[in-house]
Amino acid sequence: MKTIRYCNKEYKLPVNNLSIGDDPLFQVIVQNPISGSRCTLPAFAVAVYDFIMGCEYTNLYRKDQRKALDWFRVNFPRQYMELLD
């Protein structure tokens, strides 16, 4: 699994083959589709968020989704509360 250094911390991504783009540290604004709440996240965290939401939208609940949710909750707790809780 890929490791990314961001804000003096190393993040090991919870899922392989995420589409991160050219700059994993690029800041992206993400909006909760239900509440409208917005958060800014680095692109690598958005890739994890997109994976979680994709699993939900397609009803493909997998153990990788649980790993991604746990990773997001631990590494980006405020954004987790805004976007996924």
PDB file of N, CA and C in Angstrom:
ATOM      1  N   MET A   1       0.843  -1.183   0.000  1.00  0.00           N
ATOM      2  CA  MET A   1       0.000   0.000   0.000  1.00  0.00           C
ATOM      3  C   MET A   1       0.880   1.236   0.000  1.00  0.00           C
ATOM      4  N   LYS A   2       0.387   2.260  -0.621  1.00  0.00           N
ATOM      5  CA  LYS A   2       1.148   3.484  -0.797  1.00  0.00           C
ATOM      6  C   LYS A   2       1.187   4.307   0.492  1.00  0.00           C
ATOM      7  N   THR A   3       2.336   4.934   0.737  1.00  0.00           N
ATOM      8  CA  THR A   3       2.509   5.818   1.889  1.00  0.00           C
ATOM      9  C   THR A   3       2.760   7.229   1.385  1.00  0.00           C
ATOM     10  N   ILE A   4       2.110   8.204   2.015  1.00  0.00           N
ATOM     11  CA  ILE A   4       2.237   9.612   1.625  1.00  0.00           C
ATOM     12  C   ILE A   4       2.601  10.422   2.850  1.00  0.00           C
ATOM     13  N   ARG A   5       3.523  11.361   2.676  1.00  0.00           N
ATOM     14  CA  ARG A   5       3.914  12.262   3.759  1.00  0.00           C
ATOM     15  C   ARG A   5       3.149  13.571   3.589  1.00  0.00           C
ATOM     16  N   TYR A   6       2.432  13.968   4.660  1.00  0.00           N
ATOM     17  CA  TYR A   6       1.597  15.171   4.631  1.00  0.00           C
ATOM     18  C   TYR A   6       1.598  15.787   6.024  1.00  0.00           C
ATOM     19  N   CYS A   7       1.915  17.057   6.116  1.00  0.00           N
ATOM     20  CA  CYS A   7       1.940  17.775   7.394  1.00  0.00           C
ATOM     21  C   CYS A   7       2.794  17.041   8.437  1.00  0.00           C
ATOM     22  N   ASN A   8       3.992  16.662   8.043  1.00  0.00           N
ATOM     23  CA  ASN A   8       4.961  16.000   8.923  1.00  0.00           C
ATOM     24  C   ASN A   8       4.454  14.678   9.507  1.00  0.00           C
ATOM     25  N   LYS A   9       3.570  14.010   8.791  1.00  0.00           N
ATOM     26  CA  LYS A   9       3.059  12.716   9.219  1.00  0.00           C
ATOM     27  C   LYS A   9       2.987  11.805   8.002  1.00  0.00           C
ATOM     28  N   GLU A  10       3.233  10.518   8.213  1.00  0.00           N
ATOM     29  CA  GLU A  10       3.132   9.558   7.129  1.00  0.00           C
ATOM     30  C   GLU A  10       1.769   8.866   7.193  1.00  0.00           C
ATOM     31  N   TYR A  11       1.115   8.818   6.042  1.00  0.00           N
ATOM     32  CA  TYR A  11      -0.190   8.190   5.922  1.00  0.00           C
ATOM     33  C   TYR A  11      -0.068   6.979   5.012  1.00  0.00           C
ATOM     34  N   LYS A  12      -0.405   5.819   5.536  1.00  0.00           N
ATOM     35  CA  LYS A  12      -0.426   4.605   4.725  1.00  0.00           C
ATOM     36  C   LYS A  12      -1.864   4.412   4.243  1.00  0.00           C
ATOM     37  N   LEU A  13      -2.063   4.471   2.933  1.00  0.00           N
ATOM     38  CA  LEU A  13      -3.412   4.377   2.386  1.00  0.00           C
ATOM     39  C   LEU A  13      -4.013   3.000   2.668  1.00  0.00           C
ATOM     40  N   PRO A  14      -5.304   2.950   2.994  1.00  0.00           N
ATOM     41  CA  PRO A  14      -5.925   1.698   3.425  1.00  0.00           C
ATOM     42  C   PRO A  14      -6.306   0.747   2.296  1.00  0.00           C
ATOM     43  N   VAL A  15      -6.333   1.254   1.064  1.00  0.00           N
ATOM     44  CA  VAL A  15      -6.796   0.472  -0.075  1.00  0.00           C
ATOM     45  C   VAL A  15      -5.818   0.650  -1.224  1.00  0.00           C
ATOM     46  N   ASN A  16      -5.547  -0.410  -1.947  1.00  0.00           N
ATOM     47  CA  ASN A  16      -4.692  -0.329  -3.132  1.00  0.00           C
ATOM     48  C   ASN A  16      -5.469   0.238  -4.322  1.00  0.00           C
ATOM     49  N   ASN A  17      -4.735   0.738  -5.295  1.00  0.00           N
ATOM     50  CA  ASN A  17      -5.287   1.170  -6.587  1.00  0.00           C
ATOM     51  C   ASN A  17      -6.279   2.325  -6.485  1.00  0.00           C
ATOM     52  N   LEU A  18      -6.064   3.245  -5.569  1.00  0.00           N
ATOM     53  CA  LEU A  18      -6.893   4.448  -5.516  1.00  0.00           C
ATOM     54  C   LEU A  18      -6.413   5.432  -6.570  1.00  0.00           C
ATOM     55  N   SER A  19      -7.329   6.160  -7.145  1.00  0.00           N
ATOM     56  CA  SER A  19      -6.975   7.176  -8.143  1.00  0.00           C
ATOM     57  C   SER A  19      -6.701   8.490  -7.416  1.00  0.00           C
ATOM     58  N   ILE A  20      -5.415   8.810  -7.256  1.00  0.00           N
ATOM     59  CA  ILE A  20      -5.018   9.984  -6.478  1.00  0.00           C
ATOM     60  C   ILE A  20      -4.719  11.186  -7.358  1.00  0.00           C
ATOM     61  N   GLY A  21      -4.267  10.965  -8.568  1.00  0.00           N
ATOM     62  CA  GLY A  21      -3.893  12.057  -9.453  1.00  0.00           C
ATOM     63  C   GLY A  21      -2.416  12.361  -9.344  1.00  0.00           C
ATOM     64  N   ASP A  22      -1.997  13.421 -10.009  1.00  0.00           N
ATOM     65  CA  ASP A  22      -0.580  13.775 -10.084  1.00  0.00           C
ATOM     66  C   ASP A  22      -0.029  14.361  -8.791  1.00  0.00           C
ATOM     67  N   ASP A  23      -0.857  15.092  -8.054  1.00  0.00           N
ATOM     68  CA  ASP A  23      -0.409  15.757  -6.832  1.00  0.00           C
ATOM     69  C   ASP A  23      -1.257  15.299  -5.652  1.00  0.00           C
ATOM     70  N   PRO A  24      -0.795  14.312  -4.880  1.00  0.00           N
ATOM     71  CA  PRO A  24      -1.611  13.793  -3.773  1.00  0.00           C
ATOM     72  C   PRO A  24      -1.835  14.802  -2.652  1.00  0.00           C
ATOM     73  N   LEU A  25      -1.080  15.898  -2.647  1.00  0.00           N
ATOM     74  CA  LEU A  25      -1.229  16.906  -1.586  1.00  0.00           C
ATOM     75  C   LEU A  25      -2.116  18.079  -1.996  1.00  0.00           C
ATOM     76  N   PHE A  26      -2.563  18.090  -3.248  1.00  0.00           N
ATOM     77  CA  PHE A  26      -3.435  19.155  -3.743  1.00  0.00           C
ATOM     78  C   PHE A  26      -4.695  19.223  -2.877  1.00  0.00           C
ATOM     79  N   GLN A  27      -5.073  20.421  -2.469  1.00  0.00           N
ATOM     80  CA  GLN A  27      -6.221  20.607  -1.581  1.00  0.00           C
ATOM     81  C   GLN A  27      -7.522  20.674  -2.387  1.00  0.00           C
ATOM     82  N   VAL A  28      -8.510  19.891  -1.957  1.00  0.00           N
ATOM     83  CA  VAL A  28      -9.788  19.770  -2.651  1.00  0.00           C
ATOM     84  C   VAL A  28     -10.909  20.047  -1.648  1.00  0.00           C
ATOM     85  N   ILE A  29     -11.917  20.789  -2.085  1.00  0.00           N
ATOM     86  CA  ILE A  29     -13.103  21.020  -1.254  1.00  0.00           C
ATOM     87  C   ILE A  29     -14.109  19.922  -1.567  1.00  0.00           C
ATOM     88  N   VAL A  30     -14.571  19.231  -0.512  1.00  0.00           N
ATOM     89  CA  VAL A  30     -15.535  18.148  -0.653  1.00  0.00           C
ATOM     90  C   VAL A  30     -16.794  18.555   0.103  1.00  0.00           C
ATOM     91  N   GLN A  31     -17.953  18.281  -0.503  1.00  0.00           N
ATOM     92  CA  GLN A  31     -19.218  18.654   0.111  1.00  0.00           C
ATOM     93  C   GLN A  31     -20.038  17.414   0.448  1.00  0.00           C
ATOM     94  N   ASN A  32     -20.597  17.384   1.654  1.00  0.00           N
ATOM     95  CA  ASN A  32     -21.495  16.313   2.063  1.00  0.00           C
ATOM     96  C   ASN A  32     -22.771  16.440   1.220  1.00  0.00           C
ATOM     97  N   PRO A  33     -23.160  15.378   0.500  1.00  0.00           N
ATOM     98  CA  PRO A  33     -24.318  15.482  -0.389  1.00  0.00           C
ATOM     99  C   PRO A  33     -25.648  15.639   0.352  1.00  0.00           C
ATOM    100  N   ILE A  34     -25.677  15.314   1.624  1.00  0.00           N
ATOM    101  CA  ILE A  34     -26.924  15.408   2.383  1.00  0.00           C
ATOM    102  C   ILE A  34     -27.010  16.730   3.149  1.00  0.00           C
ATOM    103  N   SER A  35     -25.980  17.044   3.934  1.00  0.00           N
ATOM    104  CA  SER A  35     -26.025  18.234   4.781  1.00  0.00           C
ATOM    105  C   SER A  35     -25.540  19.497   4.078  1.00  0.00           C
ATOM    106  N   GLY A  36     -24.736  19.330   3.029  1.00  0.00           N
ATOM    107  CA  GLY A  36     -24.167  20.492   2.343  1.00  0.00           C
ATOM    108  C   GLY A  36     -22.908  21.008   3.009  1.00  0.00           C
ATOM    109  N   SER A  37     -22.508  20.416   4.124  1.00  0.00           N
ATOM    110  CA  SER A  37     -21.297  20.816   4.829  1.00  0.00           C
ATOM    111  C   SER A  37     -20.081  20.586   3.941  1.00  0.00           C
ATOM    112  N   ARG A  38     -19.096  21.494   4.008  1.00  0.00           N
ATOM    113  CA  ARG A  38     -17.900  21.412   3.162  1.00  0.00           C
ATOM    114  C   ARG A  38     -16.642  21.287   4.011  1.00  0.00           C
ATOM    115  N   CYS A  39     -15.666  20.532   3.478  1.00  0.00           N
ATOM    116  CA  CYS A  39     -14.363  20.353   4.115  1.00  0.00           C
ATOM    117  C   CYS A  39     -13.286  20.400   3.045  1.00  0.00           C
ATOM    118  N   THR A  40     -12.100  20.816   3.449  1.00  0.00           N
ATOM    119  CA  THR A  40     -10.948  20.776   2.559  1.00  0.00           C
ATOM    120  C   THR A  40     -10.073  19.599   2.955  1.00  0.00           C
ATOM    121  N   LEU A  41      -9.703  18.808   1.960  1.00  0.00           N
ATOM    122  CA  LEU A  41      -8.890  17.611   2.172  1.00  0.00           C
ATOM    123  C   LEU A  41      -7.801  17.532   1.117  1.00  0.00           C
ATOM    124  N   PRO A  42      -6.677  16.885   1.443  1.00  0.00           N
ATOM    125  CA  PRO A  42      -5.683  16.614   0.407  1.00  0.00           C
ATOM    126  C   PRO A  42      -6.235  15.547  -0.549  1.00  0.00           C
ATOM    127  N   ALA A  43      -5.755  15.552  -1.780  1.00  0.00           N
ATOM    128  CA  ALA A  43      -6.274  14.658  -2.813  1.00  0.00           C
ATOM    129  C   ALA A  43      -6.217  13.182  -2.406  1.00  0.00           C
ATOM    130  N   PHE A  44      -5.194  12.778  -1.663  1.00  0.00           N
ATOM    131  CA  PHE A  44      -5.120  11.367  -1.277  1.00  0.00           C
ATOM    132  C   PHE A  44      -6.260  10.991  -0.331  1.00  0.00           C
ATOM    133  N   ALA A  45      -6.674  11.904   0.532  1.00  0.00           N
ATOM    134  CA  ALA A  45      -7.804  11.635   1.427  1.00  0.00           C
ATOM    135  C   ALA A  45      -9.120  11.664   0.652  1.00  0.00           C
ATOM    136  N   VAL A  46      -9.203  12.513  -0.362  1.00  0.00           N
ATOM    137  CA  VAL A  46     -10.393  12.545  -1.216  1.00  0.00           C
ATOM    138  C   VAL A  46     -10.538  11.212  -1.951  1.00  0.00           C
ATOM    139  N   ALA A  47      -9.423  10.624  -2.363  1.00  0.00           N
ATOM    140  CA  ALA A  47      -9.476   9.324  -3.039  1.00  0.00           C
ATOM    141  C   ALA A  47     -10.068   8.267  -2.106  1.00  0.00           C
ATOM    142  N   VAL A  48      -9.711   8.301  -0.834  1.00  0.00           N
ATOM    143  CA  VAL A  48     -10.272   7.356   0.136  1.00  0.00           C
ATOM    144  C   VAL A  48     -11.760   7.647   0.327  1.00  0.00           C
ATOM    145  N   TYR A  49     -12.111   8.921   0.460  1.00  0.00           N
ATOM    146  CA  TYR A  49     -13.517   9.320   0.598  1.00  0.00           C
ATOM    147  C   TYR A  49     -14.329   8.854  -0.616  1.00  0.00           C
ATOM    148  N   ASP A  50     -13.803   9.067  -1.814  1.00  0.00           N
ATOM    149  CA  ASP A  50     -14.500   8.654  -3.031  1.00  0.00           C
ATOM    150  C   ASP A  50     -14.696   7.137  -3.064  1.00  0.00           C
ATOM    151  N   PHE A  51     -13.708   6.395  -2.606  1.00  0.00           N
ATOM    152  CA  PHE A  51     -13.834   4.940  -2.539  1.00  0.00           C
ATOM    153  C   PHE A  51     -14.972   4.542  -1.598  1.00  0.00           C
ATOM    154  N   ILE A  52     -15.021   5.172  -0.432  1.00  0.00           N
ATOM    155  CA  ILE A  52     -16.071   4.895   0.558  1.00  0.00           C
ATOM    156  C   ILE A  52     -17.444   5.184  -0.037  1.00  0.00           C
ATOM    157  N   MET A  53     -17.583   6.354  -0.640  1.00  0.00           N
ATOM    158  CA  MET A  53     -18.873   6.756  -1.204  1.00  0.00           C
ATOM    159  C   MET A  53     -19.254   5.870  -2.389  1.00  0.00           C
ATOM    160  N   GLY A  54     -18.285   5.489  -3.189  1.00  0.00           N
ATOM    161  CA  GLY A  54     -18.561   4.599  -4.314  1.00  0.00           C
ATOM    162  C   GLY A  54     -19.100   3.254  -3.852  1.00  0.00           C
ATOM    163  N   CYS A  55     -18.524   2.720  -2.782  1.00  0.00           N
ATOM    164  CA  CYS A  55     -19.023   1.461  -2.219  1.00  0.00           C
ATOM    165  C   CYS A  55     -20.459   1.624  -1.748  1.00  0.00           C
ATOM    166  N   GLU A  56     -20.748   2.763  -1.130  1.00  0.00           N
ATOM    167  CA  GLU A  56     -22.096   2.998  -0.637  1.00  0.00           C
ATOM    168  C   GLU A  56     -23.097   3.156  -1.765  1.00  0.00           C
ATOM    169  N   TYR A  57     -22.749   3.953  -2.772  1.00  0.00           N
ATOM    170  CA  TYR A  57     -23.665   4.214  -3.886  1.00  0.00           C
ATOM    171  C   TYR A  57     -23.970   2.968  -4.696  1.00  0.00           C
ATOM    172  N   THR A  58     -23.012   2.047  -4.777  1.00  0.00           N
ATOM    173  CA  THR A  58     -23.209   0.839  -5.564  1.00  0.00           C
ATOM    174  C   THR A  58     -23.659  -0.343  -4.706  1.00  0.00           C
ATOM    175  N   ASN A  59     -23.818  -0.121  -3.411  1.00  0.00           N
ATOM    176  CA  ASN A  59     -24.199  -1.174  -2.461  1.00  0.00           C
ATOM    177  C   ASN A  59     -23.206  -2.333  -2.462  1.00  0.00           C
ATOM    178  N   LEU A  60     -21.944  -2.037  -2.707  1.00  0.00           N
ATOM    179  CA  LEU A  60     -20.892  -3.050  -2.664  1.00  0.00           C
ATOM    180  C   LEU A  60     -20.104  -2.884  -1.374  1.00  0.00           C
ATOM    181  N   TYR A  61     -20.677  -3.320  -0.281  1.00  0.00           N
ATOM    182  CA  TYR A  61     -20.023  -3.199   1.014  1.00  0.00           C
ATOM    183  C   TYR A  61     -18.981  -4.298   1.133  1.00  0.00           C
ATOM    184  N   ARG A  62     -17.755  -3.895   1.320  1.00  0.00           N
ATOM    185  CA  ARG A  62     -16.645  -4.833   1.386  1.00  0.00           C
ATOM    186  C   ARG A  62     -15.822  -4.545   2.628  1.00  0.00           C
ATOM    187  N   LYS A  63     -14.948  -5.487   2.974  1.00  0.00           N
ATOM    188  CA  LYS A  63     -14.083  -5.256   4.132  1.00  0.00           C
ATOM    189  C   LYS A  63     -13.146  -4.086   3.860  1.00  0.00           C
ATOM    190  N   ASP A  64     -12.818  -3.836   2.575  1.00  0.00           N
ATOM    191  CA  ASP A  64     -11.984  -2.677   2.245  1.00  0.00           C
ATOM    192  C   ASP A  64     -12.694  -1.372   2.587  1.00  0.00           C
ATOM    193  N   GLN A  65     -14.010  -1.351   2.452  1.00  0.00           N
ATOM    194  CA  GLN A  65     -14.749  -0.141   2.809  1.00  0.00           C
ATOM    195  C   GLN A  65     -14.635   0.112   4.306  1.00  0.00           C
ATOM    196  N   ARG A  66     -14.724  -0.927   5.116  1.00  0.00           N
ATOM    197  CA  ARG A  66     -14.591  -0.775   6.572  1.00  0.00           C
ATOM    198  C   ARG A  66     -13.200  -0.266   6.911  1.00  0.00           C
ATOM    199  N   LYS A  67     -12.164  -0.819   6.247  1.00  0.00           N
ATOM    200  CA  LYS A  67     -10.797  -0.358   6.480  1.00  0.00           C
ATOM    201  C   LYS A  67     -10.664   1.113   6.103  1.00  0.00           C
ATOM    202  N   ALA A  68     -11.286   1.514   4.993  1.00  0.00           N
ATOM    203  CA  ALA A  68     -11.219   2.906   4.543  1.00  0.00           C
ATOM    204  C   ALA A  68     -11.944   3.829   5.526  1.00  0.00           C
ATOM    205  N   LEU A  69     -13.102   3.422   6.001  1.00  0.00           N
ATOM    206  CA  LEU A  69     -13.837   4.224   6.989  1.00  0.00           C
ATOM    207  C   LEU A  69     -13.035   4.394   8.271  1.00  0.00           C
ATOM    208  N   ASP A  70     -12.465   3.310   8.758  1.00  0.00           N
ATOM    209  CA  ASP A  70     -11.657   3.378   9.983  1.00  0.00           C
ATOM    210  C   ASP A  70     -10.451   4.286   9.776  1.00  0.00           C
ATOM    211  N   TRP A  71      -9.789   4.162   8.631  1.00  0.00           N
ATOM    212  CA  TRP A  71      -8.629   5.001   8.316  1.00  0.00           C
ATOM    213  C   TRP A  71      -9.031   6.471   8.304  1.00  0.00           C
ATOM    214  N   PHE A  72     -10.146   6.777   7.661  1.00  0.00           N
ATOM    215  CA  PHE A  72     -10.606   8.166   7.546  1.00  0.00           C
ATOM    216  C   PHE A  72     -10.952   8.728   8.919  1.00  0.00           C
ATOM    217  N   ARG A  73     -11.620   7.932   9.739  1.00  0.00           N
ATOM    218  CA  ARG A  73     -12.026   8.381  11.083  1.00  0.00           C
ATOM    219  C   ARG A  73     -10.802   8.686  11.952  1.00  0.00           C
ATOM    220  N   VAL A  74      -9.755   7.875  11.845  1.00  0.00           N
ATOM    221  CA  VAL A  74      -8.547   8.063  12.652  1.00  0.00           C
ATOM    222  C   VAL A  74      -7.702   9.233  12.140  1.00  0.00           C
ATOM    223  N   ASN A  75      -7.538   9.343  10.828  1.00  0.00           N
ATOM    224  CA  ASN A  75      -6.619  10.329  10.263  1.00  0.00           C
ATOM    225  C   ASN A  75      -7.226  11.700   9.987  1.00  0.00           C
ATOM    226  N   PHE A  76      -8.524  11.754   9.772  1.00  0.00           N
ATOM    227  CA  PHE A  76      -9.206  13.025   9.499  1.00  0.00           C
ATOM    228  C   PHE A  76     -10.525  13.057  10.280  1.00  0.00           C
ATOM    229  N   PRO A  77     -10.441  13.073  11.616  1.00  0.00           N
ATOM    230  CA  PRO A  77     -11.663  12.940  12.438  1.00  0.00           C
ATOM    231  C   PRO A  77     -12.681  14.060  12.253  1.00  0.00           C
ATOM    232  N   ARG A  78     -12.218  15.299  12.148  1.00  0.00           N
ATOM    233  CA  ARG A  78     -13.174  16.410  11.970  1.00  0.00           C
ATOM    234  C   ARG A  78     -13.896  16.274  10.639  1.00  0.00           C
ATOM    235  N   GLN A  79     -13.148  15.971   9.592  1.00  0.00           N
ATOM    236  CA  GLN A  79     -13.749  15.813   8.270  1.00  0.00           C
ATOM    237  C   GLN A  79     -14.652  14.581   8.211  1.00  0.00           C
ATOM    238  N   TYR A  80     -14.277  13.541   8.936  1.00  0.00           N
ATOM    239  CA  TYR A  80     -15.113  12.360   9.028  1.00  0.00           C
ATOM    240  C   TYR A  80     -16.484  12.730   9.589  1.00  0.00           C
ATOM    241  N   MET A  81     -16.475  13.498  10.669  1.00  0.00           N
ATOM    242  CA  MET A  81     -17.736  13.909  11.295  1.00  0.00           C
ATOM    243  C   MET A  81     -18.589  14.746  10.353  1.00  0.00           C
ATOM    244  N   GLU A  82     -17.961  15.596   9.558  1.00  0.00           N
ATOM    245  CA  GLU A  82     -18.680  16.456   8.621  1.00  0.00           C
ATOM    246  C   GLU A  82     -19.198  15.704   7.395  1.00  0.00           C
ATOM    247  N   LEU A  83     -18.393  14.769   6.895  1.00  0.00           N
ATOM    248  CA  LEU A  83     -18.697  14.154   5.608  1.00  0.00           C
ATOM    249  C   LEU A  83     -19.341  12.769   5.696  1.00  0.00           C
ATOM    250  N   LEU A  84     -18.991  11.995   6.721  1.00  0.00           N
ATOM    251  CA  LEU A  84     -19.394  10.593   6.728  1.00  0.00           C
ATOM    252  C   LEU A  84     -20.207  10.149   7.923  1.00  0.00           C
ATOM    253  N   ASP A  85     -20.247  10.916   8.972  1.00  0.00           N
ATOM    254  CA  ASP A  85     -20.951  10.480  10.177  1.00  0.00           C
ATOM    255  C   ASP A  85     -22.420  10.814  10.117  1.00  0.00           C
TER     256      ASP A  85
END
